[in-house]
């Protein structure tokens, strides 16, 4: 949702919206995925969503310096990216 707000602010005259669905919506649509690799991937996404909803993904919320370490520069914020590529 925050990304949609940032993109909307960067695009004059256009509104970007986010329709965030929860784990139940994803689970209901899994049977419709005919590709086995795609379905397995989405099943893993469902597990991740359930863990996040239960507050069990705290290790993934830690900010690290990986971009700086790998690229030699700090990471780009969504707002910076939008200004660079959407304006």
PDB file of N, CA and C in Angstrom:
ATOM      1  N   UNK A   1       0.821  -1.179   0.000  1.00  0.00           N
ATOM      2  CA  UNK A   1       0.000   0.000   0.000  1.00  0.00           C
ATOM      3  C   UNK A   1       0.870   1.251   0.000  1.00  0.00           C
ATOM      4  N   UNK A   2       1.950   1.223   0.755  1.00  0.00           N
ATOM      5  CA  UNK A   2       2.856   2.358   0.787  1.00  0.00           C
ATOM      6  C   UNK A   2       3.469   2.590  -0.591  1.00  0.00           C
ATOM      7  N   UNK A   3       3.803   1.536  -1.306  1.00  0.00           N
ATOM      8  CA  UNK A   3       4.383   1.669  -2.642  1.00  0.00           C
ATOM      9  C   UNK A   3       3.380   2.335  -3.575  1.00  0.00           C
ATOM     10  N   UNK A   4       2.112   1.957  -3.506  1.00  0.00           N
ATOM     11  CA  UNK A   4       1.086   2.569  -4.347  1.00  0.00           C
ATOM     12  C   UNK A   4       1.004   4.065  -4.077  1.00  0.00           C
ATOM     13  N   UNK A   5       1.092   4.477  -2.832  1.00  0.00           N
ATOM     14  CA  UNK A   5       1.060   5.896  -2.491  1.00  0.00           C
ATOM     15  C   UNK A   5       2.274   6.628  -3.058  1.00  0.00           C
ATOM     16  N   UNK A   6       3.445   6.024  -2.969  1.00  0.00           N
ATOM     17  CA  UNK A   6       4.668   6.634  -3.498  1.00  0.00           C
ATOM     18  C   UNK A   6       4.572   6.772  -5.011  1.00  0.00           C
ATOM     19  N   UNK A   7       4.116   5.734  -5.695  1.00  0.00           N
ATOM     20  CA  UNK A   7       3.993   5.785  -7.146  1.00  0.00           C
ATOM     21  C   UNK A   7       2.951   6.811  -7.576  1.00  0.00           C
ATOM     22  N   UNK A   8       1.838   6.883  -6.870  1.00  0.00           N
ATOM     23  CA  UNK A   8       0.809   7.867  -7.178  1.00  0.00           C
ATOM     24  C   UNK A   8       1.362   9.277  -7.048  1.00  0.00           C
ATOM     25  N   UNK A   9       2.149   9.523  -6.011  1.00  0.00           N
ATOM     26  CA  UNK A   9       2.733  10.848  -5.808  1.00  0.00           C
ATOM     27  C   UNK A   9       3.706  11.209  -6.924  1.00  0.00           C
ATOM     28  N   UNK A  10       4.317  10.211  -7.544  1.00  0.00           N
ATOM     29  CA  UNK A  10       5.300  10.450  -8.601  1.00  0.00           C
ATOM     30  C   UNK A  10       4.673  10.599  -9.975  1.00  0.00           C
ATOM     31  N   UNK A  11       3.463  10.151 -10.135  1.00  0.00           N
ATOM     32  CA  UNK A  11       2.799  10.183 -11.436  1.00  0.00           C
ATOM     33  C   UNK A  11       1.684  11.216 -11.413  1.00  0.00           C
ATOM     34  N   UNK A  12       1.841  12.269 -12.159  1.00  0.00           N
ATOM     35  CA  UNK A  12       0.798  13.291 -12.173  1.00  0.00           C
ATOM     36  C   UNK A  12      -0.405  12.788 -12.961  1.00  0.00           C
ATOM     37  N   UNK A  13      -1.563  12.875 -12.346  1.00  0.00           N
ATOM     38  CA  UNK A  13      -2.794  12.494 -13.017  1.00  0.00           C
ATOM     39  C   UNK A  13      -3.121  11.020 -13.001  1.00  0.00           C
ATOM     40  N   UNK A  14      -2.294  10.192 -12.393  1.00  0.00           N
ATOM     41  CA  UNK A  14      -2.577   8.758 -12.338  1.00  0.00           C
ATOM     42  C   UNK A  14      -2.620   8.308 -10.895  1.00  0.00           C
ATOM     43  N   UNK A  15      -3.527   7.433 -10.599  1.00  0.00           N
ATOM     44  CA  UNK A  15      -3.634   6.875  -9.259  1.00  0.00           C
ATOM     45  C   UNK A  15      -3.312   5.389  -9.314  1.00  0.00           C
ATOM     46  N   UNK A  16      -2.380   4.983  -8.493  1.00  0.00           N
ATOM     47  CA  UNK A  16      -2.011   3.576  -8.383  1.00  0.00           C
ATOM     48  C   UNK A  16      -2.657   3.059  -7.102  1.00  0.00           C
ATOM     49  N   UNK A  17      -3.332   1.938  -7.203  1.00  0.00           N
ATOM     50  CA  UNK A  17      -3.960   1.356  -6.022  1.00  0.00           C
ATOM     51  C   UNK A  17      -3.375  -0.024  -5.745  1.00  0.00           C
ATOM     52  N   UNK A  18      -3.555  -0.465  -4.536  1.00  0.00           N
ATOM     53  CA  UNK A  18      -3.091  -1.788  -4.128  1.00  0.00           C
ATOM     54  C   UNK A  18      -4.280  -2.557  -3.578  1.00  0.00           C
ATOM     55  N   UNK A  19      -4.495  -3.732  -4.094  1.00  0.00           N
ATOM     56  CA  UNK A  19      -5.553  -4.601  -3.605  1.00  0.00           C
ATOM     57  C   UNK A  19      -4.878  -5.774  -2.896  1.00  0.00           C
ATOM     58  N   UNK A  20      -4.517  -5.560  -1.650  1.00  0.00           N
ATOM     59  CA  UNK A  20      -3.800  -6.583  -0.884  1.00  0.00           C
ATOM     60  C   UNK A  20      -4.771  -7.655  -0.413  1.00  0.00           C
ATOM     61  N   UNK A  21      -4.514  -8.867  -0.826  1.00  0.00           N
ATOM     62  CA  UNK A  21      -5.347 -10.000  -0.435  1.00  0.00           C
ATOM     63  C   UNK A  21      -4.620 -10.801   0.635  1.00  0.00           C
ATOM     64  N   UNK A  22      -5.355 -11.382   1.513  1.00  0.00           N
ATOM     65  CA  UNK A  22      -4.769 -12.164   2.587  1.00  0.00           C
ATOM     66  C   UNK A  22      -4.564 -13.618   2.203  1.00  0.00           C
ATOM     67  N   UNK A  23      -4.029 -14.390   3.132  1.00  0.00           N
ATOM     68  CA  UNK A  23      -3.761 -15.807   2.869  1.00  0.00           C
ATOM     69  C   UNK A  23      -4.990 -16.602   2.425  1.00  0.00           C
ATOM     70  N   UNK A  24      -6.153 -16.282   2.963  1.00  0.00           N
ATOM     71  CA  UNK A  24      -7.353 -17.039   2.591  1.00  0.00           C
ATOM     72  C   UNK A  24      -7.686 -16.871   1.116  1.00  0.00           C
ATOM     73  N   UNK A  25      -7.500 -15.679   0.589  1.00  0.00           N
ATOM     74  CA  UNK A  25      -7.773 -15.441  -0.831  1.00  0.00           C
ATOM     75  C   UNK A  25      -6.805 -16.214  -1.712  1.00  0.00           C
ATOM     76  N   UNK A  26      -5.541 -16.230  -1.321  1.00  0.00           N
ATOM     77  CA  UNK A  26      -4.544 -16.984  -2.088  1.00  0.00           C
ATOM     78  C   UNK A  26      -4.847 -18.479  -2.018  1.00  0.00           C
ATOM     79  N   UNK A  27      -5.160 -18.971  -0.839  1.00  0.00           N
ATOM     80  CA  UNK A  27      -5.454 -20.399  -0.677  1.00  0.00           C
ATOM     81  C   UNK A  27      -6.645 -20.810  -1.542  1.00  0.00           C
ATOM     82  N   UNK A  28      -7.637 -19.944  -1.648  1.00  0.00           N
ATOM     83  CA  UNK A  28      -8.828 -20.260  -2.434  1.00  0.00           C
ATOM     84  C   UNK A  28      -8.535 -20.356  -3.922  1.00  0.00           C
ATOM     85  N   UNK A  29      -7.476 -19.687  -4.370  1.00  0.00           N
ATOM     86  CA  UNK A  29      -7.187 -19.688  -5.804  1.00  0.00           C
ATOM     87  C   UNK A  29      -6.112 -20.694  -6.227  1.00  0.00           C
ATOM     88  N   UNK A  30      -5.504 -21.385  -5.296  1.00  0.00           N
ATOM     89  CA  UNK A  30      -4.419 -22.315  -5.637  1.00  0.00           C
ATOM     90  C   UNK A  30      -4.858 -23.432  -6.577  1.00  0.00           C
ATOM     91  N   UNK A  31      -6.062 -23.936  -6.408  1.00  0.00           N
ATOM     92  CA  UNK A  31      -6.547 -25.036  -7.249  1.00  0.00           C
ATOM     93  C   UNK A  31      -6.687 -24.629  -8.709  1.00  0.00           C
ATOM     94  N   UNK A  32      -6.767 -23.338  -8.985  1.00  0.00           N
ATOM     95  CA  UNK A  32      -6.938 -22.848 -10.350  1.00  0.00           C
ATOM     96  C   UNK A  32      -5.620 -22.766 -11.115  1.00  0.00           C
ATOM     97  N   UNK A  33      -4.495 -22.960 -10.428  1.00  0.00           N
ATOM     98  CA  UNK A  33      -3.187 -22.874 -11.071  1.00  0.00           C
ATOM     99  C   UNK A  33      -2.837 -24.247 -11.633  1.00  0.00           C
ATOM    100  N   UNK A  34      -2.803 -24.346 -12.961  1.00  0.00           N
ATOM    101  CA  UNK A  34      -2.568 -25.647 -13.581  1.00  0.00           C
ATOM    102  C   UNK A  34      -1.085 -26.009 -13.651  1.00  0.00           C
ATOM    103  N   UNK A  35      -0.221 -25.025 -13.711  1.00  0.00           N
ATOM    104  CA  UNK A  35       1.214 -25.284 -13.779  1.00  0.00           C
ATOM    105  C   UNK A  35       1.715 -25.730 -12.410  1.00  0.00           C
ATOM    106  N   UNK A  36       2.303 -26.926 -12.353  1.00  0.00           N
ATOM    107  CA  UNK A  36       2.788 -27.452 -11.077  1.00  0.00           C
ATOM    108  C   UNK A  36       3.867 -26.553 -10.464  1.00  0.00           C
ATOM    109  N   UNK A  37       4.877 -26.126 -11.225  1.00  0.00           N
ATOM    110  CA  UNK A  37       5.886 -25.248 -10.605  1.00  0.00           C
ATOM    111  C   UNK A  37       5.288 -23.945 -10.081  1.00  0.00           C
ATOM    112  N   UNK A  38       4.356 -23.362 -10.823  1.00  0.00           N
ATOM    113  CA  UNK A  38       3.731 -22.114 -10.380  1.00  0.00           C
ATOM    114  C   UNK A  38       2.893 -22.355  -9.125  1.00  0.00           C
ATOM    115  N   UNK A  39       2.168 -23.473  -9.085  1.00  0.00           N
ATOM    116  CA  UNK A  39       1.339 -23.782  -7.915  1.00  0.00           C
ATOM    117  C   UNK A  39       2.201 -24.019  -6.682  1.00  0.00           C
ATOM    118  N   UNK A  40       3.302 -24.760  -6.835  1.00  0.00           N
ATOM    119  CA  UNK A  40       4.200 -25.017  -5.703  1.00  0.00           C
ATOM    120  C   UNK A  40       4.801 -23.706  -5.201  1.00  0.00           C
ATOM    121  N   UNK A  41       5.186 -22.824  -6.126  1.00  0.00           N
ATOM    122  CA  UNK A  41       5.719 -21.522  -5.746  1.00  0.00           C
ATOM    123  C   UNK A  41       4.677 -20.738  -4.950  1.00  0.00           C
ATOM    124  N   UNK A  42       3.443 -20.732  -5.428  1.00  0.00           N
ATOM    125  CA  UNK A  42       2.389 -19.987  -4.733  1.00  0.00           C
ATOM    126  C   UNK A  42       2.026 -20.638  -3.398  1.00  0.00           C
ATOM    127  N   UNK A  43       2.153 -21.949  -3.299  1.00  0.00           N
ATOM    128  CA  UNK A  43       1.947 -22.609  -2.005  1.00  0.00           C
ATOM    129  C   UNK A  43       3.001 -22.150  -1.007  1.00  0.00           C
ATOM    130  N   UNK A  44       4.241 -21.984  -1.467  1.00  0.00           N
ATOM    131  CA  UNK A  44       5.289 -21.486  -0.565  1.00  0.00           C
ATOM    132  C   UNK A  44       5.013 -20.030  -0.190  1.00  0.00           C
ATOM    133  N   UNK A  45       4.460 -19.265  -1.132  1.00  0.00           N
ATOM    134  CA  UNK A  45       4.082 -17.879  -0.816  1.00  0.00           C
ATOM    135  C   UNK A  45       2.984 -17.856   0.238  1.00  0.00           C
ATOM    136  N   UNK A  46       2.061 -18.799   0.154  1.00  0.00           N
ATOM    137  CA  UNK A  46       0.987 -18.895   1.144  1.00  0.00           C
ATOM    138  C   UNK A  46       1.555 -19.193   2.531  1.00  0.00           C
ATOM    139  N   UNK A  47       2.503 -20.100   2.604  1.00  0.00           N
ATOM    140  CA  UNK A  47       3.150 -20.408   3.888  1.00  0.00           C
ATOM    141  C   UNK A  47       3.828 -19.155   4.439  1.00  0.00           C
ATOM    142  N   UNK A  48       4.524 -18.424   3.567  1.00  0.00           N
ATOM    143  CA  UNK A  48       5.192 -17.196   3.993  1.00  0.00           C
ATOM    144  C   UNK A  48       4.184 -16.168   4.488  1.00  0.00           C
ATOM    145  N   UNK A  49       3.071 -16.021   3.786  1.00  0.00           N
ATOM    146  CA  UNK A  49       2.030 -15.071   4.205  1.00  0.00           C
ATOM    147  C   UNK A  49       1.477 -15.439   5.575  1.00  0.00           C
ATOM    148  N   UNK A  50       1.231 -16.726   5.792  1.00  0.00           N
ATOM    149  CA  UNK A  50       0.691 -17.164   7.086  1.00  0.00           C
ATOM    150  C   UNK A  50       1.694 -16.913   8.210  1.00  0.00           C
ATOM    151  N   UNK A  51       2.972 -17.177   7.949  1.00  0.00           N
ATOM    152  CA  UNK A  51       3.997 -16.916   8.958  1.00  0.00           C
ATOM    153  C   UNK A  51       4.095 -15.430   9.264  1.00  0.00           C
ATOM    154  N   UNK A  52       4.037 -14.601   8.235  1.00  0.00           N
ATOM    155  CA  UNK A  52       4.102 -13.150   8.435  1.00  0.00           C
ATOM    156  C   UNK A  52       2.895 -12.659   9.225  1.00  0.00           C
ATOM    157  N   UNK A  53       1.717 -13.165   8.901  1.00  0.00           N
ATOM    158  CA  UNK A  53       0.501 -12.765   9.612  1.00  0.00           C
ATOM    159  C   UNK A  53       0.556 -13.168  11.084  1.00  0.00           C
ATOM    160  N   UNK A  54       1.257 -14.263  11.367  1.00  0.00           N
ATOM    161  CA  UNK A  54       1.393 -14.737  12.752  1.00  0.00           C
ATOM    162  C   UNK A  54       2.549 -14.056  13.478  1.00  0.00           C
ATOM    163  N   UNK A  55       3.253 -13.155  12.788  1.00  0.00           N
ATOM    164  CA  UNK A  55       4.366 -12.439  13.409  1.00  0.00           C
ATOM    165  C   UNK A  55       5.624 -13.267  13.545  1.00  0.00           C
ATOM    166  N   UNK A  56       5.763 -14.292  12.715  1.00  0.00           N
ATOM    167  CA  UNK A  56       6.899 -15.197  12.808  1.00  0.00           C
ATOM    168  C   UNK A  56       7.959 -14.952  11.730  1.00  0.00           C
ATOM    169  N   UNK A  57       7.971 -13.752  11.152  1.00  0.00           N
ATOM    170  CA  UNK A  57       8.946 -13.441  10.108  1.00  0.00           C
ATOM    171  C   UNK A  57       9.847 -12.283  10.531  1.00  0.00           C
ATOM    172  N   UNK A  58      10.102 -12.152  11.807  1.00  0.00           N
ATOM    173  CA  UNK A  58      10.861 -11.001  12.300  1.00  0.00           C
ATOM    174  C   UNK A  58      12.274 -10.938  11.733  1.00  0.00           C
ATOM    175  N   UNK A  59      12.888 -12.057  11.443  1.00  0.00           N
ATOM    176  CA  UNK A  59      14.245 -12.043  10.880  1.00  0.00           C
ATOM    177  C   UNK A  59      14.269 -11.364   9.510  1.00  0.00           C
ATOM    178  N   UNK A  60      13.168 -11.400   8.785  1.00  0.00           N
ATOM    179  CA  UNK A  60      13.109 -10.797   7.459  1.00  0.00           C
ATOM    180  C   UNK A  60      12.843  -9.302   7.515  1.00  0.00           C
ATOM    181  N   UNK A  61      12.579  -8.751   8.681  1.00  0.00           N
ATOM    182  CA  UNK A  61      12.298  -7.319   8.790  1.00  0.00           C
ATOM    183  C   UNK A  61      13.517  -6.522   9.242  1.00  0.00           C
ATOM    184  N   UNK A  62      14.638  -7.187   9.435  1.00  0.00           N
ATOM    185  CA  UNK A  62      15.857  -6.517   9.875  1.00  0.00           C
ATOM    186  C   UNK A  62      16.514  -5.844   8.666  1.00  0.00           C
ATOM    187  N   UNK A  63      16.821  -4.559   8.808  1.00  0.00           N
ATOM    188  CA  UNK A  63      17.486  -3.826   7.736  1.00  0.00           C
ATOM    189  C   UNK A  63      18.978  -4.136   7.792  1.00  0.00           C
ATOM    190  N   UNK A  64      19.529  -4.495   6.669  1.00  0.00           N
ATOM    191  CA  UNK A  64      20.949  -4.849   6.590  1.00  0.00           C
ATOM    192  C   UNK A  64      21.622  -3.978   5.529  1.00  0.00           C
ATOM    193  N   UNK A  65      22.919  -4.089   5.429  1.00  0.00           N
ATOM    194  CA  UNK A  65      23.673  -3.299   4.457  1.00  0.00           C
ATOM    195  C   UNK A  65      24.060  -4.128   3.233  1.00  0.00           C
ATOM    196  N   UNK A  66      23.241  -5.097   2.864  1.00  0.00           N
ATOM    197  CA  UNK A  66      23.568  -5.990   1.756  1.00  0.00           C
ATOM    198  C   UNK A  66      23.775  -5.248   0.430  1.00  0.00           C
ATOM    199  N   UNK A  67      22.924  -4.286   0.120  1.00  0.00           N
ATOM    200  CA  UNK A  67      23.064  -3.560  -1.147  1.00  0.00           C
ATOM    201  C   UNK A  67      24.384  -2.805  -1.157  1.00  0.00           C
ATOM    202  N   UNK A  68      24.683  -2.128  -0.067  1.00  0.00           N
ATOM    203  CA  UNK A  68      25.948  -1.399   0.038  1.00  0.00           C
ATOM    204  C   UNK A  68      27.136  -2.353  -0.107  1.00  0.00           C
ATOM    205  N   UNK A  69      27.053  -3.499   0.537  1.00  0.00           N
ATOM    206  CA  UNK A  69      28.136  -4.478   0.479  1.00  0.00           C
ATOM    207  C   UNK A  69      28.336  -5.017  -0.931  1.00  0.00           C
ATOM    208  N   UNK A  70      27.251  -5.335  -1.611  1.00  0.00           N
ATOM    209  CA  UNK A  70      27.344  -5.939  -2.940  1.00  0.00           C
ATOM    210  C   UNK A  70      27.604  -4.903  -4.035  1.00  0.00           C
ATOM    211  N   UNK A  71      26.889  -3.785  -3.983  1.00  0.00           N
ATOM    212  CA  UNK A  71      26.979  -2.800  -5.067  1.00  0.00           C
ATOM    213  C   UNK A  71      27.932  -1.642  -4.780  1.00  0.00           C
ATOM    214  N   UNK A  72      28.311  -1.492  -3.523  1.00  0.00           N
ATOM    215  CA  UNK A  72      29.191  -0.389  -3.171  1.00  0.00           C
ATOM    216  C   UNK A  72      28.481   0.944  -3.056  1.00  0.00           C
ATOM    217  N   UNK A  73      27.172   0.908  -2.969  1.00  0.00           N
ATOM    218  CA  UNK A  73      26.372   2.124  -2.779  1.00  0.00           C
ATOM    219  C   UNK A  73      25.141   1.755  -1.961  1.00  0.00           C
ATOM    220  N   UNK A  74      24.560   2.737  -1.279  1.00  0.00           N
ATOM    221  CA  UNK A  74      23.350   2.415  -0.515  1.00  0.00           C
ATOM    222  C   UNK A  74      22.192   2.030  -1.431  1.00  0.00           C
ATOM    223  N   UNK A  75      21.239   1.357  -0.867  1.00  0.00           N
ATOM    224  CA  UNK A  75      20.054   0.980  -1.629  1.00  0.00           C
ATOM    225  C   UNK A  75      19.247   2.200  -2.035  1.00  0.00           C
ATOM    226  N   UNK A  76      18.404   2.022  -3.027  1.00  0.00           N
ATOM    227  CA  UNK A  76      17.542   3.088  -3.524  1.00  0.00           C
ATOM    228  C   UNK A  76      16.171   2.947  -2.883  1.00  0.00           C
ATOM    229  N   UNK A  77      15.623   4.048  -2.408  1.00  0.00           N
ATOM    230  CA  UNK A  77      14.262   3.999  -1.866  1.00  0.00           C
ATOM    231  C   UNK A  77      13.273   3.916  -3.015  1.00  0.00           C
ATOM    232  N   UNK A  78      12.057   3.532  -2.713  1.00  0.00           N
ATOM    233  CA  UNK A  78      11.020   3.467  -3.741  1.00  0.00           C
ATOM    234  C   UNK A  78      10.761   4.855  -4.314  1.00  0.00           C
ATOM    235  N   UNK A  79      10.765   5.870  -3.478  1.00  0.00           N
ATOM    236  CA  UNK A  79      10.534   7.245  -3.942  1.00  0.00           C
ATOM    237  C   UNK A  79      11.651   7.697  -4.874  1.00  0.00           C
ATOM    238  N   UNK A  80      12.898   7.367  -4.559  1.00  0.00           N
ATOM    239  CA  UNK A  80      14.016   7.728  -5.427  1.00  0.00           C
ATOM    240  C   UNK A  80      13.891   7.013  -6.776  1.00  0.00           C
ATOM    241  N   UNK A  81      13.542   5.747  -6.742  1.00  0.00           N
ATOM    242  CA  UNK A  81      13.382   4.985  -7.969  1.00  0.00           C
ATOM    243  C   UNK A  81      12.275   5.595  -8.825  1.00  0.00           C
ATOM    244  N   UNK A  82      11.158   5.927  -8.209  1.00  0.00           N
ATOM    245  CA  UNK A  82      10.024   6.513  -8.951  1.00  0.00           C
ATOM    246  C   UNK A  82      10.427   7.838  -9.585  1.00  0.00           C
ATOM    247  N   UNK A  83      11.141   8.683  -8.858  1.00  0.00           N
ATOM    248  CA  UNK A  83      11.584   9.961  -9.416  1.00  0.00           C
ATOM    249  C   UNK A  83      12.513   9.745 -10.608  1.00  0.00           C
ATOM    250  N   UNK A  84      13.357   8.733 -10.511  1.00  0.00           N
ATOM    251  CA  UNK A  84      14.332   8.479 -11.568  1.00  0.00           C
ATOM    252  C   UNK A  84      13.696   7.873 -12.822  1.00  0.00           C
ATOM    253  N   UNK A  85      12.726   6.987 -12.649  1.00  0.00           N
ATOM    254  CA  UNK A  85      12.214   6.235 -13.785  1.00  0.00           C
ATOM    255  C   UNK A  85      10.802   6.597 -14.229  1.00  0.00           C
ATOM    256  N   UNK A  86      10.037   7.298 -13.412  1.00  0.00           N
ATOM    257  CA  UNK A  86       8.643   7.551 -13.772  1.00  0.00           C
ATOM    258  C   UNK A  86       8.350   8.997 -14.127  1.00  0.00           C
ATOM    259  N   UNK A  87       9.240   9.886 -13.815  1.00  0.00           N
ATOM    260  CA  UNK A  87       8.966  11.305 -14.068  1.00  0.00           C
ATOM    261  C   UNK A  87       9.433  11.688 -15.441  1.00  0.00           C
TER     262      UNK A  87
END
